[in-house]
Amino acid sequence: MDDKRNEGRKQWSQKHPDVPATASMKRRMVSHDYQGRSIYMITLCVEGRTPRLGSLCGPDDSHPLPWVNLTPLGESVKDEWLGIPRYYPQIRVLALTVMPDHLHGILFVTEPLPVHLGKVINGFKTGCNRTARELGLSVPVWEQGYTDGVLQGKGQLDRWKAYLSDNPRRLWLKRQHQDFFTVSLHLTIAGSTVSAMGNHQLLQHPSIMQVYCSRRMSKEEIALEGDWILAQGAVLVSPAISPGERTIMNRALEAGIPVIFICNNGFAELSKPGGRLFDACAAGKVLLISPFTHHNDYHPLTAECCRQMNALARAIATLQ
């Protein structure tokens, strides 16, 4: 059952590359061997999400992009992470980003570990707590548990590395545009109770157009339909279910045309958009709306779900 769920999530992500990735709860891939050879992205959060590890700084003469100025504790956390191979030579550290209140790191287990990966992470946490005490700081440094991602697809490692290196810039944008990245729950839009994130002013645009394409349309027909729709100067709204809808909505994103995505998963408090949607959201070009509650598990896209999302898109397109 878990294999089917993971495969379903993978296929859904491939089909919806720009649909927002929501913040995950601490999770494990139940069927995975955590002592075996694999590549992992690990996320650890500071206890209470307190910014004990550093402060976010804007671009300056020495840093062309936003960056994190680490505290002594943050520096020790960095050293502890980079030192993991001293205790477990089966592990290579591929990447690390220390943020003010959390850490993202990529570990490559090159050969079977003598212990579960969780033991490795617990050992890292113990080292951080020891240093915190030496610095006269309170412990524990980290929240209980951690979140892991297991590398499964081609190109995923490059995307992970890009995500880690881009984290300070993304946080800087979120702080500069807090309204666009704030999740709103229990809103009523076009007669439906929804959660939403992004630029709500897009709903006030004088022209909102639904993007709806039959799966029977050819690539040539989709291209012509897209040319006409993108020339209308409207805000586009769609759940982007069919290939034609995804193509046109992605073209709109690339062209900087405002879009409203109807999503089949609701939003948690710390949800944030992924991929190109993040920068489009910061620019006020995106509104994400979902009539469904948030869930972490993969849920198949049913015919009823599609009808509900299309009905909401149609209702929003007629608001004006």
C-alpha atoms as a PDB file:
ATOM      1  CA  MET A   1       0.000   0.000   0.000  1.00  0.00           C
ATOM      2  CA  ASP A   2       2.820   2.412   0.841  1.00  0.00           C
ATOM      3  CA  ASP A   3       4.580   1.652  -2.453  1.00  0.00           C
ATOM      4  CA  LYS A   4       1.389   2.494  -4.335  1.00  0.00           C
ATOM      5  CA  ARG A   5       0.976   5.693  -2.377  1.00  0.00           C
ATOM      6  CA  ASN A   6       4.562   6.819  -2.997  1.00  0.00           C
ATOM      7  CA  GLU A   7       4.331   5.937  -6.677  1.00  0.00           C
ATOM      8  CA  GLY A   8       1.063   7.829  -6.927  1.00  0.00           C
ATOM      9  CA  ARG A   9       2.582  10.901  -5.289  1.00  0.00           C
ATOM     10  CA  LYS A  10       5.550  10.722  -7.658  1.00  0.00           C
ATOM     11  CA  GLN A  11       3.332  10.482 -10.733  1.00  0.00           C
ATOM     12  CA  TRP A  12       1.141  13.329  -9.531  1.00  0.00           C
ATOM     13  CA  SER A  13       4.174  15.570  -8.944  1.00  0.00           C
ATOM     14  CA  GLN A  14       5.482  14.846 -12.422  1.00  0.00           C
ATOM     15  CA  LYS A  15       2.120  15.772 -13.913  1.00  0.00           C
ATOM     16  CA  HIS A  16       1.823  18.952 -11.844  1.00  0.00           C
ATOM     17  CA  PRO A  17       5.351  20.447 -11.718  1.00  0.00           C
ATOM     18  CA  ASP A  18       4.160  23.914 -10.738  1.00  0.00           C
ATOM     19  CA  VAL A  19       1.379  23.051  -8.333  1.00  0.00           C
ATOM     20  CA  PRO A  20       2.446  24.244  -4.864  1.00  0.00           C
ATOM     21  CA  ALA A  21       4.432  21.945  -2.602  1.00  0.00           C
ATOM     22  CA  THR A  22       3.067  22.238   0.902  1.00  0.00           C
ATOM     23  CA  ALA A  23       5.082  22.102   4.086  1.00  0.00           C
ATOM     24  CA  SER A  24       5.186  18.497   5.273  1.00  0.00           C
ATOM     25  CA  MET A  25       4.768  17.039   8.710  1.00  0.00           C
ATOM     26  CA  LYS A  26       7.575  14.845  10.002  1.00  0.00           C
ATOM     27  CA  ARG A  27       7.353  11.714   7.895  1.00  0.00           C
ATOM     28  CA  ARG A  28       8.978   8.418   6.998  1.00  0.00           C
ATOM     29  CA  MET A  29       8.712   6.185   3.966  1.00  0.00           C
ATOM     30  CA  VAL A  30       7.439   3.130   5.822  1.00  0.00           C
ATOM     31  CA  SER A  31       8.690   0.519   3.349  1.00  0.00           C
ATOM     32  CA  HIS A  32      12.163   2.053   2.950  1.00  0.00           C
ATOM     33  CA  ASP A  33      15.388   0.526   4.365  1.00  0.00           C
ATOM     34  CA  TYR A  34      16.957   3.376   6.336  1.00  0.00           C
ATOM     35  CA  GLN A  35      20.243   1.509   6.700  1.00  0.00           C
ATOM     36  CA  GLY A  36      20.649   0.917   2.980  1.00  0.00           C
ATOM     37  CA  ARG A  37      22.309   2.932   0.237  1.00  0.00           C
ATOM     38  CA  SER A  38      20.251   6.064  -0.521  1.00  0.00           C
ATOM     39  CA  ILE A  39      20.352   9.834  -0.767  1.00  0.00           C
ATOM     40  CA  TYR A  40      18.257  11.811   1.704  1.00  0.00           C
ATOM     41  CA  MET A  41      17.184  15.405   2.220  1.00  0.00           C
ATOM     42  CA  ILE A  42      16.828  15.994   5.953  1.00  0.00           C
ATOM     43  CA  THR A  43      15.006  18.904   7.567  1.00  0.00           C
ATOM     44  CA  LEU A  44      15.394  19.727  11.259  1.00  0.00           C
ATOM     45  CA  CYS A  45      13.576  22.550  13.057  1.00  0.00           C
ATOM     46  CA  VAL A  46      14.823  24.448  16.092  1.00  0.00           C
ATOM     47  CA  GLU A  47      12.784  23.880  19.256  1.00  0.00           C
ATOM     48  CA  GLY A  48       9.923  26.368  19.170  1.00  0.00           C
ATOM     49  CA  ARG A  49      11.096  27.600  15.749  1.00  0.00           C
ATOM     50  CA  THR A  50      13.221  30.179  17.584  1.00  0.00           C
ATOM     51  CA  PRO A  51      15.843  31.831  15.320  1.00  0.00           C
ATOM     52  CA  ARG A  52      18.801  30.658  17.409  1.00  0.00           C
ATOM     53  CA  LEU A  53      21.082  29.707  14.528  1.00  0.00           C
ATOM     54  CA  GLY A  54      21.476  33.015  12.719  1.00  0.00           C
ATOM     55  CA  SER A  55      19.870  36.112  11.280  1.00  0.00           C
ATOM     56  CA  LEU A  56      18.696  36.685   7.728  1.00  0.00           C
ATOM     57  CA  CYS A  57      20.509  39.522   5.986  1.00  0.00           C
ATOM     58  CA  GLY A  58      19.734  41.285   2.750  1.00  0.00           C
ATOM     59  CA  PRO A  59      22.104  41.661  -0.200  1.00  0.00           C
ATOM     60  CA  ASP A  60      25.147  43.843   0.405  1.00  0.00           C
ATOM     61  CA  ASP A  61      28.551  44.591  -1.126  1.00  0.00           C
ATOM     62  CA  SER A  62      29.891  41.190  -0.066  1.00  0.00           C
ATOM     63  CA  HIS A  63      26.744  39.158  -0.748  1.00  0.00           C
ATOM     64  CA  PRO A  64      24.821  39.657  -3.987  1.00  0.00           C
ATOM     65  CA  LEU A  65      21.927  37.580  -2.609  1.00  0.00           C
ATOM     66  CA  PRO A  66      20.232  37.370   0.804  1.00  0.00           C
ATOM     67  CA  TRP A  67      22.267  35.304   3.259  1.00  0.00           C
ATOM     68  CA  VAL A  68      22.267  33.994   6.839  1.00  0.00           C
ATOM     69  CA  ASN A  69      24.763  35.365   9.358  1.00  0.00           C
ATOM     70  CA  LEU A  70      25.273  32.408  11.695  1.00  0.00           C
ATOM     71  CA  THR A  71      25.442  32.723  15.464  1.00  0.00           C
ATOM     72  CA  PRO A  72      28.114  30.760  17.383  1.00  0.00           C
ATOM     73  CA  LEU A  73      25.486  28.036  17.862  1.00  0.00           C
ATOM     74  CA  GLY A  74      24.725  28.113  14.142  1.00  0.00           C
ATOM     75  CA  GLU A  75      28.416  27.736  13.331  1.00  0.00           C
ATOM     76  CA  SER A  76      28.678  24.767  15.683  1.00  0.00           C
ATOM     77  CA  VAL A  77      25.605  23.180  14.103  1.00  0.00           C
ATOM     78  CA  LYS A  78      27.249  23.555  10.700  1.00  0.00           C
ATOM     79  CA  ASP A  79      30.458  21.940  12.006  1.00  0.00           C
ATOM     80  CA  GLU A  80      28.525  19.077  13.603  1.00  0.00           C
ATOM     81  CA  TRP A  81      26.694  18.323  10.348  1.00  0.00           C
ATOM     82  CA  LEU A  82      29.832  18.451   8.227  1.00  0.00           C
ATOM     83  CA  GLY A  83      31.471  16.164  10.801  1.00  0.00           C
ATOM     84  CA  ILE A  84      28.937  13.326  10.454  1.00  0.00           C
ATOM     85  CA  PRO A  85      31.292  11.314   8.162  1.00  0.00           C
ATOM     86  CA  ARG A  86      33.854  11.180  10.991  1.00  0.00           C
ATOM     87  CA  TYR A  87      31.461   8.951  12.908  1.00  0.00           C
ATOM     88  CA  TYR A  88      29.858   7.257   9.911  1.00  0.00           C
ATOM     89  CA  PRO A  89      32.315   6.947   6.996  1.00  0.00           C
ATOM     90  CA  GLN A  90      29.490   5.361   4.979  1.00  0.00           C
ATOM     91  CA  ILE A  91      27.938   8.852   4.683  1.00  0.00           C
ATOM     92  CA  ARG A  92      28.879  11.763   2.443  1.00  0.00           C
ATOM     93  CA  VAL A  93      27.534  15.264   3.061  1.00  0.00           C
ATOM     94  CA  LEU A  94      26.343  16.586  -0.295  1.00  0.00           C
ATOM     95  CA  ALA A  95      24.793  19.902   0.752  1.00  0.00           C
ATOM     96  CA  LEU A  96      23.843  21.953   3.792  1.00  0.00           C
ATOM     97  CA  THR A  97      21.887  25.140   4.410  1.00  0.00           C
ATOM     98  CA  VAL A  98      21.553  26.481   7.949  1.00  0.00           C
ATOM     99  CA  MET A  99      18.634  28.883   8.318  1.00  0.00           C
ATOM    100  CA  PRO A 100      17.798  30.964  11.411  1.00  0.00           C
ATOM    101  CA  ASP A 101      15.310  28.415  12.769  1.00  0.00           C
ATOM    102  CA  HIS A 102      15.862  25.239  10.754  1.00  0.00           C
ATOM    103  CA  LEU A 103      18.347  23.200   8.761  1.00  0.00           C
ATOM    104  CA  HIS A 104      18.239  21.441   5.391  1.00  0.00           C
ATOM    105  CA  GLY A 105      20.947  18.900   4.621  1.00  0.00           C
ATOM    106  CA  ILE A 106      21.501  16.272   1.943  1.00  0.00           C
ATOM    107  CA  LEU A 107      23.227  13.037   2.983  1.00  0.00           C
ATOM    108  CA  PHE A 108      24.440  10.260   0.676  1.00  0.00           C
ATOM    109  CA  VAL A 109      24.615   6.848   2.335  1.00  0.00           C
ATOM    110  CA  THR A 110      27.140   5.227   0.002  1.00  0.00           C
ATOM    111  CA  GLU A 111      27.064   1.768   1.645  1.00  0.00           C
ATOM    112  CA  PRO A 112      24.932   0.062   4.305  1.00  0.00           C
ATOM    113  CA  LEU A 113      24.932   1.761   7.698  1.00  0.00           C
ATOM    114  CA  PRO A 114      25.458  -0.182  10.936  1.00  0.00           C
ATOM    115  CA  VAL A 115      22.440   1.669  12.406  1.00  0.00           C
ATOM    116  CA  HIS A 116      19.179   3.228  11.297  1.00  0.00           C
ATOM    117  CA  LEU A 117      19.539   6.719   9.820  1.00  0.00           C
ATOM    118  CA  GLY A 118      17.530   7.985  12.779  1.00  0.00           C
ATOM    119  CA  LYS A 119      20.408   7.011  15.074  1.00  0.00           C
ATOM    120  CA  VAL A 120      22.741   9.148  12.959  1.00  0.00           C
ATOM    121  CA  ILE A 121      20.429  12.151  13.271  1.00  0.00           C
ATOM    122  CA  ASN A 122      20.034  11.615  17.010  1.00  0.00           C
ATOM    123  CA  GLY A 123      23.813  11.545  17.373  1.00  0.00           C
ATOM    124  CA  PHE A 124      24.029  14.850  15.479  1.00  0.00           C
ATOM    125  CA  LYS A 125      21.404  16.354  17.792  1.00  0.00           C
ATOM    126  CA  THR A 126      23.330  15.165  20.844  1.00  0.00           C
ATOM    127  CA  GLY A 127      26.458  16.914  19.569  1.00  0.00           C
ATOM    128  CA  CYS A 128      24.506  20.139  19.046  1.00  0.00           C
ATOM    129  CA  ASN A 129      23.070  19.966  22.562  1.00  0.00           C
ATOM    130  CA  ARG A 130      26.542  19.429  24.004  1.00  0.00           C
ATOM    131  CA  THR A 131      27.853  22.536  22.230  1.00  0.00           C
ATOM    132  CA  ALA A 132      24.814  24.565  23.306  1.00  0.00           C
ATOM    133  CA  ARG A 133      25.523  23.737  26.940  1.00  0.00           C
ATOM    134  CA  GLU A 134      29.169  24.745  26.473  1.00  0.00           C
ATOM    135  CA  LEU A 135      27.948  28.073  25.102  1.00  0.00           C
ATOM    136  CA  GLY A 136      25.693  28.524  28.142  1.00  0.00           C
ATOM    137  CA  LEU A 137      22.528  28.039  26.084  1.00  0.00           C
ATOM    138  CA  SER A 138      19.428  26.041  26.852  1.00  0.00           C
ATOM    139  CA  VAL A 139      18.795  22.595  25.378  1.00  0.00           C
ATOM    140  CA  PRO A 140      17.370  20.847  23.462  1.00  0.00           C
ATOM    141  CA  VAL A 141      18.363  22.720  20.319  1.00  0.00           C
ATOM    142  CA  TRP A 142      16.001  20.778  18.044  1.00  0.00           C
ATOM    143  CA  GLU A 143      12.365  19.760  17.984  1.00  0.00           C
ATOM    144  CA  GLN A 144      11.631  16.079  18.332  1.00  0.00           C
ATOM    145  CA  GLY A 145      11.920  14.063  15.132  1.00  0.00           C
ATOM    146  CA  TYR A 146      12.897  15.227  11.669  1.00  0.00           C
ATOM    147  CA  THR A 147      11.543  15.199   8.137  1.00  0.00           C
ATOM    148  CA  ASP A 148      13.250  13.173   5.435  1.00  0.00           C
ATOM    149  CA  GLY A 149      12.900  12.889   1.685  1.00  0.00           C
ATOM    150  CA  VAL A 150      14.306   9.882  -0.164  1.00  0.00           C
ATOM    151  CA  LEU A 151      15.782  10.484  -3.616  1.00  0.00           C
ATOM    152  CA  GLN A 152      13.661   8.658  -6.180  1.00  0.00           C
ATOM    153  CA  GLY A 153      13.633  10.467  -9.515  1.00  0.00           C
ATOM    154  CA  LYS A 154      16.030  11.671 -12.169  1.00  0.00           C
ATOM    155  CA  GLY A 155      16.985  15.308 -11.659  1.00  0.00           C
ATOM    156  CA  GLN A 156      15.646  15.358  -8.102  1.00  0.00           C
ATOM    157  CA  LEU A 157      19.085  15.802  -6.542  1.00  0.00           C
ATOM    158  CA  ASP A 158      19.762  18.914  -8.621  1.00  0.00           C
ATOM    159  CA  ARG A 159      16.367  20.312  -7.602  1.00  0.00           C
ATOM    160  CA  TRP A 160      17.128  19.608  -3.955  1.00  0.00           C
ATOM    161  CA  LYS A 161      20.486  21.366  -4.155  1.00  0.00           C
ATOM    162  CA  ALA A 162      18.913  24.349  -5.907  1.00  0.00           C
ATOM    163  CA  TYR A 163      16.220  24.505  -3.225  1.00  0.00           C
ATOM    164  CA  LEU A 164      18.789  24.511  -0.430  1.00  0.00           C
ATOM    165  CA  SER A 165      20.971  27.194  -1.979  1.00  0.00           C
ATOM    166  CA  ASP A 166      17.902  29.327  -2.742  1.00  0.00           C
ATOM    167  CA  ASN A 167      16.447  29.109   0.773  1.00  0.00           C
ATOM    168  CA  PRO A 168      17.762  32.460   2.084  1.00  0.00           C
ATOM    169  CA  ARG A 169      16.457  34.304  -0.992  1.00  0.00           C
ATOM    170  CA  ARG A 170      13.049  32.642  -0.673  1.00  0.00           C
ATOM    171  CA  LEU A 171      12.784  33.557   3.014  1.00  0.00           C
ATOM    172  CA  TRP A 172      13.812  37.130   2.187  1.00  0.00           C
ATOM    173  CA  LEU A 173      11.058  37.353  -0.444  1.00  0.00           C
ATOM    174  CA  LYS A 174       8.498  35.913   1.977  1.00  0.00           C
ATOM    175  CA  ARG A 175       9.378  38.547   4.558  1.00  0.00           C
ATOM    176  CA  GLN A 176       9.178  41.334   1.960  1.00  0.00           C
ATOM    177  CA  HIS A 177       5.761  40.112   0.752  1.00  0.00           C
ATOM    178  CA  GLN A 178       4.184  38.593   3.849  1.00  0.00           C
ATOM    179  CA  ASP A 179       0.615  39.211   2.691  1.00  0.00           C
ATOM    180  CA  PHE A 180       1.124  37.062  -0.413  1.00  0.00           C
ATOM    181  CA  PHE A 181       2.536  34.142   1.590  1.00  0.00           C
ATOM    182  CA  THR A 182      -0.009  34.139   4.410  1.00  0.00           C
ATOM    183  CA  VAL A 183      -2.437  31.211   4.374  1.00  0.00           C
ATOM    184  CA  SER A 184      -6.077  32.225   4.823  1.00  0.00           C
ATOM    185  CA  LEU A 185      -8.506  29.563   6.037  1.00  0.00           C
ATOM    186  CA  HIS A 186     -12.301  29.293   5.925  1.00  0.00           C
ATOM    187  CA  LEU A 187     -12.796  31.983   3.297  1.00  0.00           C
ATOM    188  CA  THR A 188     -15.923  32.197   1.188  1.00  0.00           C
ATOM    189  CA  ILE A 189     -15.094  32.708  -2.479  1.00  0.00           C
ATOM    190  CA  ALA A 190     -17.677  32.355  -5.231  1.00  0.00           C
ATOM    191  CA  GLY A 191     -20.002  30.619  -2.786  1.00  0.00           C
ATOM    192  CA  SER A 192     -17.476  27.987  -1.658  1.00  0.00           C
ATOM    193  CA  THR A 193     -15.567  27.669   1.620  1.00  0.00           C
ATOM    194  CA  VAL A 194     -11.895  27.549   0.731  1.00  0.00           C
ATOM    195  CA  SER A 195      -8.335  28.084   1.921  1.00  0.00           C
ATOM    196  CA  ALA A 196      -6.133  30.400  -0.099  1.00  0.00           C
ATOM    197  CA  MET A 197      -2.682  31.938  -0.429  1.00  0.00           C
ATOM    198  CA  GLY A 198      -1.391  34.642  -2.741  1.00  0.00           C
ATOM    199  CA  ASN A 199      -2.689  37.915  -4.131  1.00  0.00           C
ATOM    200  CA  HIS A 200      -6.387  38.096  -3.265  1.00  0.00           C
ATOM    201  CA  GLN A 201      -6.725  41.293  -5.329  1.00  0.00           C
ATOM    202  CA  LEU A 202      -6.688  39.139  -8.468  1.00  0.00           C
ATOM    203  CA  LEU A 203     -10.302  38.300  -7.657  1.00  0.00           C
ATOM    204  CA  GLN A 204     -11.136  41.995  -8.232  1.00  0.00           C
ATOM    205  CA  HIS A 205      -9.717  42.063 -11.767  1.00  0.00           C
ATOM    206  CA  PRO A 206     -12.336  43.233 -14.292  1.00  0.00           C
ATOM    207  CA  SER A 207     -11.664  40.237 -16.547  1.00  0.00           C
ATOM    208  CA  ILE A 208     -11.210  36.691 -15.218  1.00  0.00           C
ATOM    209  CA  MET A 209     -11.180  33.849 -17.742  1.00  0.00           C
ATOM    210  CA  GLN A 210     -11.439  30.124 -17.095  1.00  0.00           C
ATOM    211  CA  VAL A 211      -8.935  27.912 -18.910  1.00  0.00           C
ATOM    212  CA  TYR A 212     -10.744  24.715 -19.841  1.00  0.00           C
ATOM    213  CA  CYS A 213      -9.391  22.294 -22.453  1.00  0.00           C
ATOM    214  CA  SER A 214     -10.675  18.897 -23.545  1.00  0.00           C
ATOM    215  CA  ARG A 215      -8.221  16.017 -23.308  1.00  0.00           C
ATOM    216  CA  ARG A 216      -9.071  15.274 -26.950  1.00  0.00           C
ATOM    217  CA  MET A 217      -7.479  18.518 -28.161  1.00  0.00           C
ATOM    218  CA  SER A 218      -4.342  18.153 -30.284  1.00  0.00           C
ATOM    219  CA  LYS A 219      -1.101  20.003 -29.536  1.00  0.00           C
ATOM    220  CA  GLU A 220      -1.811  22.338 -32.446  1.00  0.00           C
ATOM    221  CA  GLU A 221      -5.298  23.115 -31.116  1.00  0.00           C
ATOM    222  CA  ILE A 222      -3.904  23.706 -27.628  1.00  0.00           C
ATOM    223  CA  ALA A 223      -1.267  26.069 -29.019  1.00  0.00           C
ATOM    224  CA  LEU A 224      -3.881  28.101 -30.936  1.00  0.00           C
ATOM    225  CA  GLU A 225      -6.221  28.175 -27.934  1.00  0.00           C
ATOM    226  CA  GLY A 226      -3.337  29.344 -25.752  1.00  0.00           C
ATOM    227  CA  ASP A 227      -2.366  32.102 -28.179  1.00  0.00           C
ATOM    228  CA  TRP A 228      -5.922  33.455 -28.111  1.00  0.00           C
ATOM    229  CA  ILE A 229      -6.383  33.161 -24.328  1.00  0.00           C
ATOM    230  CA  LEU A 230      -3.042  34.782 -23.459  1.00  0.00           C
ATOM    231  CA  ALA A 231      -3.865  37.733 -25.714  1.00  0.00           C
ATOM    232  CA  GLN A 232      -7.056  38.606 -23.815  1.00  0.00           C
ATOM    233  CA  GLY A 233      -5.396  40.492 -20.937  1.00  0.00           C
ATOM    234  CA  ALA A 234      -7.405  38.529 -18.378  1.00  0.00           C
ATOM    235  CA  VAL A 235      -6.543  36.819 -15.109  1.00  0.00           C
ATOM    236  CA  LEU A 236      -6.632  33.102 -15.896  1.00  0.00           C
ATOM    237  CA  VAL A 237      -8.225  30.569 -13.555  1.00  0.00           C
ATOM    238  CA  SER A 238      -8.009  26.787 -13.791  1.00  0.00           C
ATOM    239  CA  PRO A 239      -7.241  23.622 -11.806  1.00  0.00           C
ATOM    240  CA  ALA A 240      -4.874  22.732 -14.686  1.00  0.00           C
ATOM    241  CA  ILE A 241      -6.104  19.143 -14.858  1.00  0.00           C
ATOM    242  CA  SER A 242      -5.838  18.330 -18.565  1.00  0.00           C
ATOM    243  CA  PRO A 243      -2.557  18.564 -20.542  1.00  0.00           C
ATOM    244  CA  GLY A 244      -3.919  21.549 -22.462  1.00  0.00           C
ATOM    245  CA  GLU A 245      -4.841  23.413 -19.302  1.00  0.00           C
ATOM    246  CA  ARG A 246      -1.428  22.774 -17.777  1.00  0.00           C
ATOM    247  CA  THR A 247       0.306  23.944 -20.950  1.00  0.00           C
ATOM    248  CA  ILE A 248      -1.636  27.201 -21.127  1.00  0.00           C
ATOM    249  CA  MET A 249      -1.335  27.981 -17.423  1.00  0.00           C
ATOM    250  CA  ASN A 250       2.408  27.314 -17.519  1.00  0.00           C
ATOM    251  CA  ARG A 251       2.719  29.604 -20.551  1.00  0.00           C
ATOM    252  CA  ALA A 252       0.893  32.276 -18.566  1.00  0.00           C
ATOM    253  CA  LEU A 253       3.329  31.862 -15.675  1.00  0.00           C
ATOM    254  CA  GLU A 254       6.294  32.222 -18.018  1.00  0.00           C
ATOM    255  CA  ALA A 255       4.783  35.357 -19.546  1.00  0.00           C
ATOM    256  CA  GLY A 256       4.043  36.948 -16.167  1.00  0.00           C
ATOM    257  CA  ILE A 257       0.268  36.844 -16.703  1.00  0.00           C
ATOM    258  CA  PRO A 258      -1.696  36.673 -13.409  1.00  0.00           C
ATOM    259  CA  VAL A 259      -3.178  33.247 -12.678  1.00  0.00           C
ATOM    260  CA  ILE A 260      -5.497  31.644 -10.140  1.00  0.00           C
ATOM    261  CA  PHE A 261      -4.845  27.946  -9.544  1.00  0.00           C
ATOM    262  CA  ILE A 262      -7.543  25.734  -8.049  1.00  0.00           C
ATOM    263  CA  CYS A 263      -5.668  23.100  -6.015  1.00  0.00           C
ATOM    264  CA  ASN A 264      -6.761  19.617  -4.970  1.00  0.00           C
ATOM    265  CA  ASN A 265      -5.066  19.942  -1.575  1.00  0.00           C
ATOM    266  CA  GLY A 266      -5.721  22.579   1.036  1.00  0.00           C
ATOM    267  CA  PHE A 267      -3.071  24.542   2.879  1.00  0.00           C
ATOM    268  CA  ALA A 268      -1.483  24.140   6.286  1.00  0.00           C
ATOM    269  CA  GLU A 269      -0.228  27.108   8.300  1.00  0.00           C
ATOM    270  CA  LEU A 270       3.328  26.783   6.957  1.00  0.00           C
ATOM    271  CA  SER A 271       2.407  25.848   3.385  1.00  0.00           C
ATOM    272  CA  LYS A 272       4.233  27.642   0.622  1.00  0.00           C
ATOM    273  CA  PRO A 273       4.205  27.414  -3.169  1.00  0.00           C
ATOM    274  CA  GLY A 274       6.963  25.573  -4.982  1.00  0.00           C
ATOM    275  CA  GLY A 275       8.853  25.968  -8.236  1.00  0.00           C
ATOM    276  CA  ARG A 276       8.047  28.957 -10.427  1.00  0.00           C
ATOM    277  CA  LEU A 277       4.935  29.620  -8.384  1.00  0.00           C
ATOM    278  CA  PHE A 278       7.054  30.917  -5.510  1.00  0.00           C
ATOM    279  CA  ASP A 279       8.538  33.834  -7.452  1.00  0.00           C
ATOM    280  CA  ALA A 280       5.219  34.487  -9.193  1.00  0.00           C
ATOM    281  CA  CYS A 281       3.553  34.612  -5.777  1.00  0.00           C
ATOM    282  CA  ALA A 282       6.140  37.103  -4.499  1.00  0.00           C
ATOM    283  CA  ALA A 283       5.423  39.252  -7.571  1.00  0.00           C
ATOM    284  CA  GLY A 284       1.687  39.215  -6.816  1.00  0.00           C
ATOM    285  CA  LYS A 285       0.898  37.227  -9.948  1.00  0.00           C
ATOM    286  CA  VAL A 286      -0.637  34.137  -8.305  1.00  0.00           C
ATOM    287  CA  LEU A 287      -3.568  33.213  -6.116  1.00  0.00           C
ATOM    288  CA  LEU A 288      -3.868  29.592  -4.943  1.00  0.00           C
ATOM    289  CA  ILE A 289      -7.310  28.415  -3.845  1.00  0.00           C
ATOM    290  CA  SER A 290      -8.467  25.029  -2.578  1.00  0.00           C
ATOM    291  CA  PRO A 291     -11.965  23.882  -1.602  1.00  0.00           C
ATOM    292  CA  PHE A 292     -10.450  20.855   0.184  1.00  0.00           C
ATOM    293  CA  THR A 293      -8.828  20.373   3.587  1.00  0.00           C
ATOM    294  CA  HIS A 294      -5.067  19.943   3.847  1.00  0.00           C
ATOM    295  CA  HIS A 295      -3.612  16.420   3.826  1.00  0.00           C
ATOM    296  CA  ASN A 296      -0.087  15.012   3.615  1.00  0.00           C
ATOM    297  CA  ASP A 297      -0.969  11.640   2.098  1.00  0.00           C
ATOM    298  CA  TYR A 298      -1.516  11.180  -1.619  1.00  0.00           C
ATOM    299  CA  HIS A 299      -5.194  11.312  -2.598  1.00  0.00           C
ATOM    300  CA  PRO A 300      -6.136  10.250  -6.131  1.00  0.00           C
ATOM    301  CA  LEU A 301      -7.759  12.876  -8.313  1.00  0.00           C
ATOM    302  CA  THR A 302     -11.313  11.569  -8.666  1.00  0.00           C
ATOM    303  CA  ALA A 303     -13.913  12.569 -11.249  1.00  0.00           C
ATOM    304  CA  GLU A 304     -15.953  14.257  -8.512  1.00  0.00           C
ATOM    305  CA  CYS A 305     -12.880  16.199  -7.361  1.00  0.00           C
ATOM    306  CA  CYS A 306     -12.279  17.383 -10.935  1.00  0.00           C
ATOM    307  CA  ARG A 307     -15.905  18.466 -11.294  1.00  0.00           C
ATOM    308  CA  GLN A 308     -15.744  20.408  -8.042  1.00  0.00           C
ATOM    309  CA  MET A 309     -12.540  22.221  -9.004  1.00  0.00           C
ATOM    310  CA  ASN A 310     -13.811  23.068 -12.478  1.00  0.00           C
ATOM    311  CA  ALA A 311     -17.094  24.323 -11.009  1.00  0.00           C
ATOM    312  CA  LEU A 312     -15.172  26.617  -8.642  1.00  0.00           C
ATOM    313  CA  ALA A 313     -13.015  27.915 -11.513  1.00  0.00           C
ATOM    314  CA  ARG A 314     -16.159  28.604 -13.540  1.00  0.00           C
ATOM    315  CA  ALA A 315     -17.783  30.427 -10.612  1.00  0.00           C
ATOM    316  CA  ILE A 316     -14.694  32.575 -10.049  1.00  0.00           C
ATOM    317  CA  ALA A 317     -14.575  33.461 -13.761  1.00  0.00           C
ATOM    318  CA  THR A 318     -18.104  34.846 -13.477  1.00  0.00           C
ATOM    319  CA  LEU A 319     -17.475  36.945 -10.345  1.00  0.00           C
ATOM    320  CA  GLN A 320     -17.242  40.114 -12.431  1.00  0.00           C
END
